[in-house]
Amino acid sequence: SWIDWSHVDEELLNFTSRVVALRAAHPVFRRRLFFTGATDSFGVPDIAWLRPDGNSMGDDDWGTATVRALAVFINGQAIIGPGPRGEQIEDDSFLLLLNPGNEDVDFTLPDGQLGEGWMPVLDTADAPANAHVAAAVAVTGNAAGVTTDPDAELLPAKTVRPVLAHSTVLLRRA
């Protein structure tokens, strides 16, 4: 191998391995088709773009140079396209809180159709220093799943969740 494994950062390797396992376990992160705005049976879109205040982004928000942070709701119940055996694919739904800016940002978690509660899954501000990915991979037969850390605390809708500068937080809809 061209990688010098004798000087590997074990914490970063562990964190990266767990993120790869999270992606592998959730088809919502491995979509074969683009998001279309399609809705699930409850009228919830496959993707929603939100401001840090928890409200949907409008056309004006996209043109504002001061907008540095946003949230993305990814609906695991609105995956289009069949699975490898022709089955409907369903998964958990997730909320990504993205803060690429130089200042910490407070995000208000959405409510209503998007979710009434959220479970922490990942915070890049914790990695690799703490290598904290609140997920464990369980494999049974051909099925793989990622379960939330049993010590993680449920965050109700409308909770204000700070996200540190240059960080991403991943939450799973409870």
N, C-alpha and C. Protein backbone atom coordinates (compact mmCIF):
# COMPACT_ATOMS: atom_id res chain seq x y z
N SER A 1 0.84 -1.19 0.00
CA SER A 1 0.00 0.00 0.00
C SER A 1 0.88 1.24 0.00
N TRP A 2 0.40 2.31 -0.59
CA TRP A 2 1.16 3.55 -0.64
C TRP A 2 0.98 4.38 0.62
N ILE A 3 0.15 3.94 1.55
CA ILE A 3 -0.06 4.67 2.81
C ILE A 3 0.89 4.12 3.85
N ASP A 4 1.57 5.02 4.54
CA ASP A 4 2.47 4.63 5.63
C ASP A 4 1.63 4.43 6.89
N TRP A 5 1.21 3.20 7.14
CA TRP A 5 0.33 2.90 8.26
C TRP A 5 1.05 2.94 9.60
N SER A 6 2.37 3.05 9.61
CA SER A 6 3.09 3.10 10.89
C SER A 6 2.88 4.44 11.60
N HIS A 7 2.46 5.46 10.87
CA HIS A 7 2.25 6.78 11.48
C HIS A 7 0.79 7.23 11.41
N VAL A 8 -0.11 6.27 11.37
CA VAL A 8 -1.53 6.58 11.24
C VAL A 8 -2.05 7.22 12.54
N ASP A 9 -2.93 8.18 12.39
CA ASP A 9 -3.62 8.80 13.52
C ASP A 9 -4.79 7.88 13.88
N GLU A 10 -4.65 7.11 14.94
CA GLU A 10 -5.64 6.10 15.32
C GLU A 10 -7.02 6.71 15.57
N GLU A 11 -7.06 7.87 16.23
CA GLU A 11 -8.35 8.49 16.51
C GLU A 11 -9.06 8.90 15.22
N LEU A 12 -8.31 9.47 14.29
CA LEU A 12 -8.90 9.87 13.02
C LEU A 12 -9.33 8.64 12.22
N LEU A 13 -8.52 7.60 12.23
CA LEU A 13 -8.87 6.37 11.53
C LEU A 13 -10.15 5.76 12.11
N ASN A 14 -10.26 5.73 13.44
CA ASN A 14 -11.46 5.20 14.09
C ASN A 14 -12.69 6.03 13.73
N PHE A 15 -12.55 7.35 13.80
CA PHE A 15 -13.67 8.23 13.45
C PHE A 15 -14.10 8.01 12.00
N THR A 16 -13.14 7.97 11.10
CA THR A 16 -13.44 7.80 9.68
C THR A 16 -14.10 6.44 9.42
N SER A 17 -13.61 5.41 10.07
CA SER A 17 -14.20 4.07 9.92
C SER A 17 -15.66 4.06 10.36
N ARG A 18 -15.95 4.76 11.43
CA ARG A 18 -17.32 4.80 11.93
C ARG A 18 -18.23 5.61 11.02
N VAL A 19 -17.71 6.68 10.44
CA VAL A 19 -18.51 7.47 9.49
C VAL A 19 -18.79 6.64 8.23
N VAL A 20 -17.80 5.90 7.77
CA VAL A 20 -18.01 5.02 6.61
C VAL A 20 -19.07 3.97 6.93
N ALA A 21 -19.03 3.41 8.13
CA ALA A 21 -20.03 2.42 8.53
C ALA A 21 -21.42 3.04 8.60
N LEU A 22 -21.50 4.27 9.08
CA LEU A 22 -22.78 4.98 9.14
C LEU A 22 -23.36 5.14 7.73
N ARG A 23 -22.52 5.57 6.80
CA ARG A 23 -22.97 5.73 5.41
C ARG A 23 -23.39 4.39 4.82
N ALA A 24 -22.62 3.35 5.07
CA ALA A 24 -22.94 2.04 4.51
C ALA A 24 -24.26 1.50 5.06
N ALA A 25 -24.59 1.83 6.29
CA ALA A 25 -25.78 1.30 6.93
C ALA A 25 -27.05 2.06 6.56
N HIS A 26 -26.92 3.23 5.97
CA HIS A 26 -28.09 4.06 5.69
C HIS A 26 -28.21 4.39 4.21
N PRO A 27 -29.18 3.78 3.52
CA PRO A 27 -29.35 4.05 2.09
C PRO A 27 -29.68 5.51 1.78
N VAL A 28 -30.18 6.24 2.75
CA VAL A 28 -30.49 7.66 2.49
C VAL A 28 -29.22 8.44 2.15
N PHE A 29 -28.06 7.94 2.59
CA PHE A 29 -26.78 8.59 2.27
C PHE A 29 -26.13 8.01 1.01
N ARG A 30 -26.79 7.04 0.39
CA ARG A 30 -26.24 6.39 -0.80
C ARG A 30 -27.26 6.39 -1.94
N ARG A 31 -27.99 7.44 -2.05
CA ARG A 31 -29.03 7.54 -3.08
C ARG A 31 -28.42 7.37 -4.47
N ARG A 32 -29.14 6.64 -5.31
CA ARG A 32 -28.69 6.46 -6.69
C ARG A 32 -29.27 7.52 -7.61
N LEU A 33 -30.32 8.20 -7.17
CA LEU A 33 -30.96 9.23 -7.98
C LEU A 33 -30.92 10.56 -7.24
N PHE A 34 -30.96 11.64 -7.99
CA PHE A 34 -30.93 12.98 -7.41
C PHE A 34 -32.21 13.26 -6.62
N PHE A 35 -32.11 14.18 -5.68
CA PHE A 35 -33.30 14.67 -4.99
C PHE A 35 -34.16 15.40 -6.01
N THR A 36 -35.48 15.24 -5.87
CA THR A 36 -36.40 15.83 -6.85
C THR A 36 -37.44 16.75 -6.23
N GLY A 37 -37.52 16.76 -4.92
CA GLY A 37 -38.61 17.48 -4.26
C GLY A 37 -39.82 16.59 -4.05
N ALA A 38 -39.69 15.30 -4.42
CA ALA A 38 -40.79 14.35 -4.22
C ALA A 38 -41.12 14.26 -2.74
N THR A 39 -42.37 13.97 -2.44
CA THR A 39 -42.79 13.87 -1.04
C THR A 39 -43.12 12.43 -0.70
N ASP A 40 -43.07 12.14 0.59
CA ASP A 40 -43.47 10.82 1.06
C ASP A 40 -44.99 10.81 1.24
N SER A 41 -45.53 9.73 1.81
CA SER A 41 -46.98 9.60 1.95
C SER A 41 -47.58 10.62 2.91
N PHE A 42 -46.75 11.31 3.69
CA PHE A 42 -47.23 12.34 4.62
C PHE A 42 -47.02 13.75 4.07
N GLY A 43 -46.53 13.85 2.84
CA GLY A 43 -46.32 15.16 2.24
C GLY A 43 -45.01 15.83 2.61
N VAL A 44 -44.08 15.06 3.19
CA VAL A 44 -42.77 15.60 3.59
C VAL A 44 -41.81 15.44 2.41
N PRO A 45 -41.10 16.51 2.02
CA PRO A 45 -40.21 16.42 0.86
C PRO A 45 -38.99 15.54 1.11
N ASP A 46 -38.39 15.07 0.01
CA ASP A 46 -37.19 14.23 0.14
C ASP A 46 -36.01 15.00 0.71
N ILE A 47 -36.00 16.32 0.50
CA ILE A 47 -34.94 17.17 1.05
C ILE A 47 -35.55 18.53 1.37
N ALA A 48 -35.08 19.12 2.46
CA ALA A 48 -35.52 20.47 2.83
C ALA A 48 -34.31 21.25 3.30
N TRP A 49 -34.19 22.49 2.85
CA TRP A 49 -33.08 23.37 3.20
C TRP A 49 -33.61 24.38 4.21
N LEU A 50 -32.92 24.48 5.35
CA LEU A 50 -33.41 25.31 6.45
C LEU A 50 -32.38 26.33 6.89
N ARG A 51 -32.87 27.46 7.36
CA ARG A 51 -32.01 28.47 7.98
C ARG A 51 -31.70 28.01 9.41
N PRO A 52 -30.71 28.61 10.05
CA PRO A 52 -30.40 28.25 11.44
C PRO A 52 -31.58 28.46 12.40
N ASP A 53 -32.55 29.31 12.03
CA ASP A 53 -33.71 29.51 12.90
C ASP A 53 -34.74 28.40 12.75
N GLY A 54 -34.47 27.39 11.90
CA GLY A 54 -35.35 26.25 11.74
C GLY A 54 -36.40 26.41 10.66
N ASN A 55 -36.49 27.57 10.05
CA ASN A 55 -37.47 27.82 8.99
C ASN A 55 -36.87 27.51 7.63
N SER A 56 -37.74 27.21 6.67
CA SER A 56 -37.29 26.90 5.31
C SER A 56 -36.58 28.08 4.69
N MET A 57 -35.55 27.76 3.92
CA MET A 57 -34.84 28.80 3.19
C MET A 57 -35.68 29.23 1.99
N GLY A 58 -35.70 30.52 1.74
CA GLY A 58 -36.40 31.06 0.58
C GLY A 58 -35.41 31.51 -0.47
N ASP A 59 -35.92 31.97 -1.58
CA ASP A 59 -35.06 32.42 -2.67
C ASP A 59 -34.10 33.52 -2.23
N ASP A 60 -34.57 34.44 -1.40
CA ASP A 60 -33.72 35.54 -0.93
C ASP A 60 -32.56 35.03 -0.08
N ASP A 61 -32.79 33.95 0.67
CA ASP A 61 -31.72 33.41 1.53
C ASP A 61 -30.54 32.92 0.71
N TRP A 62 -30.80 32.35 -0.46
CA TRP A 62 -29.73 31.80 -1.28
C TRP A 62 -28.85 32.89 -1.87
N GLY A 63 -29.39 34.08 -2.03
CA GLY A 63 -28.62 35.17 -2.61
C GLY A 63 -27.94 36.06 -1.60
N THR A 64 -28.07 35.75 -0.33
CA THR A 64 -27.49 36.58 0.72
C THR A 64 -26.07 36.12 1.02
N ALA A 65 -25.12 37.02 0.86
CA ALA A 65 -23.71 36.68 1.08
C ALA A 65 -23.41 36.42 2.55
N THR A 66 -24.26 36.89 3.45
CA THR A 66 -24.00 36.71 4.88
C THR A 66 -24.46 35.36 5.41
N VAL A 67 -25.21 34.60 4.62
CA VAL A 67 -25.66 33.29 5.06
C VAL A 67 -24.47 32.34 5.03
N ARG A 68 -24.05 31.92 6.19
CA ARG A 68 -22.87 31.05 6.29
C ARG A 68 -23.22 29.65 6.78
N ALA A 69 -24.37 29.50 7.43
CA ALA A 69 -24.74 28.22 8.00
C ALA A 69 -26.14 27.84 7.52
N LEU A 70 -26.37 26.54 7.40
CA LEU A 70 -27.69 26.07 7.03
C LEU A 70 -27.87 24.64 7.52
N ALA A 71 -29.12 24.22 7.51
CA ALA A 71 -29.45 22.84 7.88
C ALA A 71 -30.08 22.16 6.67
N VAL A 72 -29.88 20.86 6.59
CA VAL A 72 -30.44 20.06 5.49
C VAL A 72 -31.17 18.88 6.10
N PHE A 73 -32.47 18.77 5.82
CA PHE A 73 -33.26 17.62 6.22
C PHE A 73 -33.26 16.63 5.07
N ILE A 74 -32.91 15.37 5.35
CA ILE A 74 -32.88 14.32 4.33
C ILE A 74 -33.88 13.25 4.77
N ASN A 75 -34.93 13.07 3.98
CA ASN A 75 -36.06 12.22 4.33
C ASN A 75 -35.81 10.77 3.89
N GLY A 76 -35.64 9.90 4.85
CA GLY A 76 -35.42 8.48 4.57
C GLY A 76 -36.67 7.75 4.12
N GLN A 77 -37.84 8.39 4.24
CA GLN A 77 -39.09 7.77 3.80
C GLN A 77 -39.46 8.17 2.37
N ALA A 78 -38.64 9.00 1.74
CA ALA A 78 -38.95 9.48 0.39
C ALA A 78 -37.82 9.16 -0.59
N ILE A 79 -37.20 8.00 -0.42
CA ILE A 79 -36.14 7.58 -1.33
C ILE A 79 -36.80 7.05 -2.60
N ILE A 80 -36.46 7.66 -3.73
CA ILE A 80 -37.05 7.21 -4.99
C ILE A 80 -36.14 6.16 -5.63
N GLY A 81 -36.74 5.32 -6.40
CA GLY A 81 -35.99 4.25 -7.05
C GLY A 81 -36.02 3.00 -6.18
N PRO A 82 -36.20 1.86 -6.80
CA PRO A 82 -36.26 0.61 -6.05
C PRO A 82 -34.88 0.13 -5.60
N GLY A 83 -34.91 -0.76 -4.61
CA GLY A 83 -33.69 -1.40 -4.14
C GLY A 83 -33.25 -2.47 -5.13
N PRO A 84 -32.18 -3.19 -4.82
CA PRO A 84 -31.64 -4.18 -5.76
C PRO A 84 -32.60 -5.32 -6.08
N ARG A 85 -33.60 -5.55 -5.22
CA ARG A 85 -34.57 -6.62 -5.46
C ARG A 85 -35.94 -6.05 -5.86
N GLY A 86 -35.95 -4.77 -6.23
CA GLY A 86 -37.19 -4.13 -6.64
C GLY A 86 -38.03 -3.60 -5.49
N GLU A 87 -37.53 -3.72 -4.27
CA GLU A 87 -38.29 -3.30 -3.10
C GLU A 87 -38.21 -1.79 -2.89
N GLN A 88 -39.21 -1.25 -2.20
CA GLN A 88 -39.19 0.16 -1.80
C GLN A 88 -38.13 0.32 -0.71
N ILE A 89 -37.29 1.33 -0.83
CA ILE A 89 -36.24 1.57 0.16
C ILE A 89 -36.73 2.62 1.14
N GLU A 90 -36.67 2.29 2.43
CA GLU A 90 -37.00 3.24 3.49
C GLU A 90 -35.87 3.24 4.50
N ASP A 91 -35.66 4.38 5.12
CA ASP A 91 -34.56 4.53 6.06
C ASP A 91 -34.95 5.57 7.11
N ASP A 92 -34.06 5.78 8.06
CA ASP A 92 -34.22 6.87 9.00
C ASP A 92 -34.10 8.19 8.26
N SER A 93 -34.63 9.24 8.86
CA SER A 93 -34.46 10.59 8.32
C SER A 93 -33.44 11.32 9.18
N PHE A 94 -32.69 12.22 8.55
CA PHE A 94 -31.59 12.89 9.23
C PHE A 94 -31.64 14.40 9.02
N LEU A 95 -31.00 15.10 9.93
CA LEU A 95 -30.85 16.54 9.84
C LEU A 95 -29.37 16.86 9.98
N LEU A 96 -28.81 17.50 8.96
CA LEU A 96 -27.41 17.95 8.98
C LEU A 96 -27.39 19.43 9.33
N LEU A 97 -26.62 19.79 10.34
CA LEU A 97 -26.42 21.19 10.71
C LEU A 97 -25.02 21.56 10.26
N LEU A 98 -24.91 22.44 9.29
CA LEU A 98 -23.63 22.77 8.67
C LEU A 98 -23.19 24.18 9.03
N ASN A 99 -22.03 24.30 9.65
CA ASN A 99 -21.49 25.61 10.01
C ASN A 99 -20.05 25.73 9.51
N PRO A 100 -19.86 26.21 8.29
CA PRO A 100 -18.50 26.38 7.77
C PRO A 100 -17.86 27.69 8.20
N GLY A 101 -18.60 28.52 8.92
CA GLY A 101 -18.11 29.84 9.28
C GLY A 101 -17.10 29.84 10.41
N ASN A 102 -16.60 31.04 10.72
CA ASN A 102 -15.59 31.21 11.76
C ASN A 102 -16.19 31.42 13.15
N GLU A 103 -17.50 31.55 13.25
CA GLU A 103 -18.18 31.77 14.52
C GLU A 103 -19.12 30.61 14.81
N ASP A 104 -19.34 30.32 16.10
CA ASP A 104 -20.34 29.32 16.47
C ASP A 104 -21.72 29.83 16.06
N VAL A 105 -22.63 28.90 15.75
CA VAL A 105 -23.99 29.26 15.34
C VAL A 105 -24.98 28.44 16.14
N ASP A 106 -26.03 29.09 16.64
CA ASP A 106 -27.13 28.40 17.30
C ASP A 106 -28.17 28.02 16.26
N PHE A 107 -28.50 26.73 16.19
CA PHE A 107 -29.54 26.23 15.29
C PHE A 107 -30.77 25.89 16.12
N THR A 108 -31.93 26.28 15.65
CA THR A 108 -33.19 25.87 16.25
C THR A 108 -33.69 24.67 15.46
N LEU A 109 -33.87 23.54 16.16
CA LEU A 109 -34.28 22.31 15.47
C LEU A 109 -35.72 22.45 14.98
N PRO A 110 -35.99 21.98 13.76
CA PRO A 110 -37.33 22.14 13.20
C PRO A 110 -38.35 21.27 13.91
N ASP A 111 -39.61 21.63 13.71
CA ASP A 111 -40.68 20.83 14.26
C ASP A 111 -41.68 20.51 13.16
N GLY A 112 -42.87 20.12 13.57
CA GLY A 112 -43.91 19.82 12.59
C GLY A 112 -43.62 18.55 11.84
N GLN A 113 -43.84 18.59 10.53
CA GLN A 113 -43.70 17.40 9.71
C GLN A 113 -42.27 16.85 9.68
N LEU A 114 -41.29 17.70 9.85
CA LEU A 114 -39.91 17.23 9.75
C LEU A 114 -39.49 16.39 10.95
N GLY A 115 -40.07 16.63 12.11
CA GLY A 115 -39.74 15.81 13.26
C GLY A 115 -40.07 16.49 14.57
N GLU A 116 -40.45 15.69 15.54
CA GLU A 116 -40.76 16.22 16.87
C GLU A 116 -39.60 16.03 17.85
N GLY A 117 -38.62 15.24 17.45
CA GLY A 117 -37.46 15.02 18.30
C GLY A 117 -36.29 14.51 17.48
N TRP A 118 -35.09 14.74 17.99
CA TRP A 118 -33.87 14.42 17.25
C TRP A 118 -32.85 13.78 18.18
N MET A 119 -32.19 12.75 17.67
CA MET A 119 -31.14 12.07 18.43
C MET A 119 -29.77 12.41 17.82
N PRO A 120 -28.82 12.85 18.66
CA PRO A 120 -27.47 13.13 18.16
C PRO A 120 -26.80 11.86 17.63
N VAL A 121 -26.17 11.99 16.49
CA VAL A 121 -25.45 10.87 15.89
C VAL A 121 -23.97 11.20 15.75
N LEU A 122 -23.67 12.42 15.30
CA LEU A 122 -22.28 12.77 15.00
C LEU A 122 -22.08 14.27 15.18
N ASP A 123 -20.93 14.63 15.72
CA ASP A 123 -20.52 16.04 15.80
C ASP A 123 -19.05 16.09 15.45
N THR A 124 -18.73 16.71 14.32
CA THR A 124 -17.33 16.74 13.89
C THR A 124 -16.46 17.58 14.80
N ALA A 125 -17.06 18.42 15.63
CA ALA A 125 -16.27 19.19 16.60
C ALA A 125 -15.67 18.27 17.65
N ASP A 126 -16.27 17.10 17.83
CA ASP A 126 -15.77 16.13 18.80
C ASP A 126 -14.70 15.23 18.21
N ALA A 127 -14.47 15.30 16.93
CA ALA A 127 -13.55 14.37 16.28
C ALA A 127 -12.40 15.14 15.65
N PRO A 128 -11.21 14.59 15.57
CA PRO A 128 -10.88 13.28 16.11
C PRO A 128 -10.47 13.30 17.57
N ALA A 129 -10.46 14.47 18.20
CA ALA A 129 -10.01 14.56 19.58
C ALA A 129 -10.69 13.53 20.47
N ASN A 130 -12.01 13.41 20.35
CA ASN A 130 -12.74 12.43 21.15
C ASN A 130 -13.24 11.27 20.30
N ALA A 131 -13.10 11.41 18.98
CA ALA A 131 -13.57 10.37 18.04
C ALA A 131 -14.98 9.92 18.40
N HIS A 132 -15.88 10.88 18.63
CA HIS A 132 -17.23 10.57 19.08
C HIS A 132 -18.19 10.48 17.91
N VAL A 133 -18.55 9.29 17.56
CA VAL A 133 -19.65 9.06 16.65
C VAL A 133 -20.62 8.22 17.46
N ALA A 134 -21.78 8.79 17.72
CA ALA A 134 -22.75 8.12 18.58
C ALA A 134 -23.48 7.05 17.80
N ALA A 135 -22.73 6.10 17.28
CA ALA A 135 -23.36 5.03 16.52
C ALA A 135 -22.57 3.75 16.69
N ALA A 136 -23.29 2.64 16.71
CA ALA A 136 -22.66 1.33 16.75
C ALA A 136 -23.22 0.55 15.57
N VAL A 137 -22.38 -0.17 14.91
CA VAL A 137 -22.82 -0.91 13.73
C VAL A 137 -23.19 -2.33 14.16
N ALA A 138 -24.37 -2.74 13.75
CA ALA A 138 -24.83 -4.10 14.04
C ALA A 138 -25.14 -4.76 12.71
N VAL A 139 -24.59 -5.91 12.49
CA VAL A 139 -24.82 -6.61 11.23
C VAL A 139 -25.49 -7.94 11.55
N THR A 140 -26.65 -8.16 10.91
CA THR A 140 -27.38 -9.41 11.08
C THR A 140 -27.70 -9.94 9.69
N GLY A 141 -27.11 -11.04 9.32
CA GLY A 141 -27.33 -11.56 7.98
C GLY A 141 -26.86 -10.56 6.95
N ASN A 142 -27.77 -10.14 6.07
CA ASN A 142 -27.44 -9.16 5.04
C ASN A 142 -27.84 -7.75 5.42
N ALA A 143 -28.42 -7.57 6.60
CA ALA A 143 -28.90 -6.24 7.00
C ALA A 143 -27.91 -5.58 7.93
N ALA A 144 -27.66 -4.32 7.69
CA ALA A 144 -26.77 -3.56 8.57
C ALA A 144 -27.56 -2.37 9.10
N GLY A 145 -27.33 -2.03 10.36
CA GLY A 145 -28.01 -0.88 10.93
C GLY A 145 -27.10 -0.13 11.86
N VAL A 146 -27.33 1.14 11.98
CA VAL A 146 -26.58 1.97 12.92
C VAL A 146 -27.57 2.43 13.97
N THR A 147 -27.24 2.18 15.20
CA THR A 147 -28.12 2.57 16.29
C THR A 147 -27.51 3.72 17.04
N THR A 148 -28.36 4.59 17.53
CA THR A 148 -27.89 5.75 18.27
C THR A 148 -27.35 5.32 19.62
N ASP A 149 -26.34 6.02 20.08
CA ASP A 149 -25.74 5.79 21.39
C ASP A 149 -26.84 5.81 22.45
N PRO A 150 -26.96 4.77 23.29
CA PRO A 150 -28.01 4.74 24.31
C PRO A 150 -27.88 5.88 25.32
N ASP A 151 -26.70 6.48 25.43
CA ASP A 151 -26.51 7.59 26.36
C ASP A 151 -26.85 8.94 25.73
N ALA A 152 -27.12 8.95 24.42
CA ALA A 152 -27.45 10.21 23.75
C ALA A 152 -28.81 10.69 24.24
N GLU A 153 -28.94 12.00 24.34
CA GLU A 153 -30.16 12.60 24.87
C GLU A 153 -31.05 13.09 23.74
N LEU A 154 -32.34 12.77 23.83
CA LEU A 154 -33.31 13.23 22.84
C LEU A 154 -33.41 14.74 22.88
N LEU A 155 -33.33 15.36 21.72
CA LEU A 155 -33.47 16.81 21.60
C LEU A 155 -34.84 17.10 21.01
N PRO A 156 -35.75 17.67 21.80
CA PRO A 156 -37.09 17.97 21.27
C PRO A 156 -37.03 19.03 20.17
N ALA A 157 -38.06 19.04 19.33
CA ALA A 157 -38.18 20.09 18.31
C ALA A 157 -38.12 21.44 19.00
N LYS A 158 -37.60 22.41 18.28
CA LYS A 158 -37.43 23.80 18.75
C LYS A 158 -36.30 23.96 19.76
N THR A 159 -35.57 22.88 20.06
CA THR A 159 -34.38 22.99 20.91
C THR A 159 -33.34 23.81 20.16
N VAL A 160 -32.63 24.66 20.88
CA VAL A 160 -31.52 25.41 20.29
C VAL A 160 -30.26 24.59 20.49
N ARG A 161 -29.62 24.22 19.38
CA ARG A 161 -28.42 23.37 19.41
C ARG A 161 -27.26 24.17 18.85
N PRO A 162 -26.27 24.54 19.70
CA PRO A 162 -25.10 25.25 19.18
C PRO A 162 -24.24 24.32 18.32
N VAL A 163 -23.70 24.87 17.24
CA VAL A 163 -22.77 24.15 16.38
C VAL A 163 -21.51 25.00 16.30
N LEU A 164 -20.40 24.41 16.70
CA LEU A 164 -19.14 25.14 16.71
C LEU A 164 -18.70 25.51 15.30
N ALA A 165 -17.87 26.52 15.21
CA ALA A 165 -17.33 26.97 13.93
C ALA A 165 -16.65 25.80 13.22
N HIS A 166 -16.77 25.77 11.90
CA HIS A 166 -16.12 24.76 11.05
C HIS A 166 -16.56 23.35 11.43
N SER A 167 -17.83 23.17 11.79
CA SER A 167 -18.31 21.87 12.25
C SER A 167 -19.61 21.48 11.57
N THR A 168 -19.87 20.18 11.61
CA THR A 168 -21.12 19.61 11.13
C THR A 168 -21.67 18.71 12.21
N VAL A 169 -22.97 18.80 12.43
CA VAL A 169 -23.66 17.94 13.39
C VAL A 169 -24.70 17.13 12.61
N LEU A 170 -24.78 15.84 12.89
CA LEU A 170 -25.77 14.97 12.27
C LEU A 170 -26.72 14.49 13.35
N LEU A 171 -28.02 14.66 13.11
CA LEU A 171 -29.06 14.22 14.03
C LEU A 171 -30.00 13.27 13.29
N ARG A 172 -30.50 12.26 14.01
CA ARG A 172 -31.47 11.32 13.44
C ARG A 172 -32.85 11.65 14.00
N ARG A 173 -33.85 11.65 13.13
CA ARG A 173 -35.21 11.91 13.60
C ARG A 173 -35.65 10.78 14.52
N ALA A 174 -36.13 11.14 15.70
CA ALA A 174 -36.55 10.15 16.70
C ALA A 174 -37.94 9.61 16.38
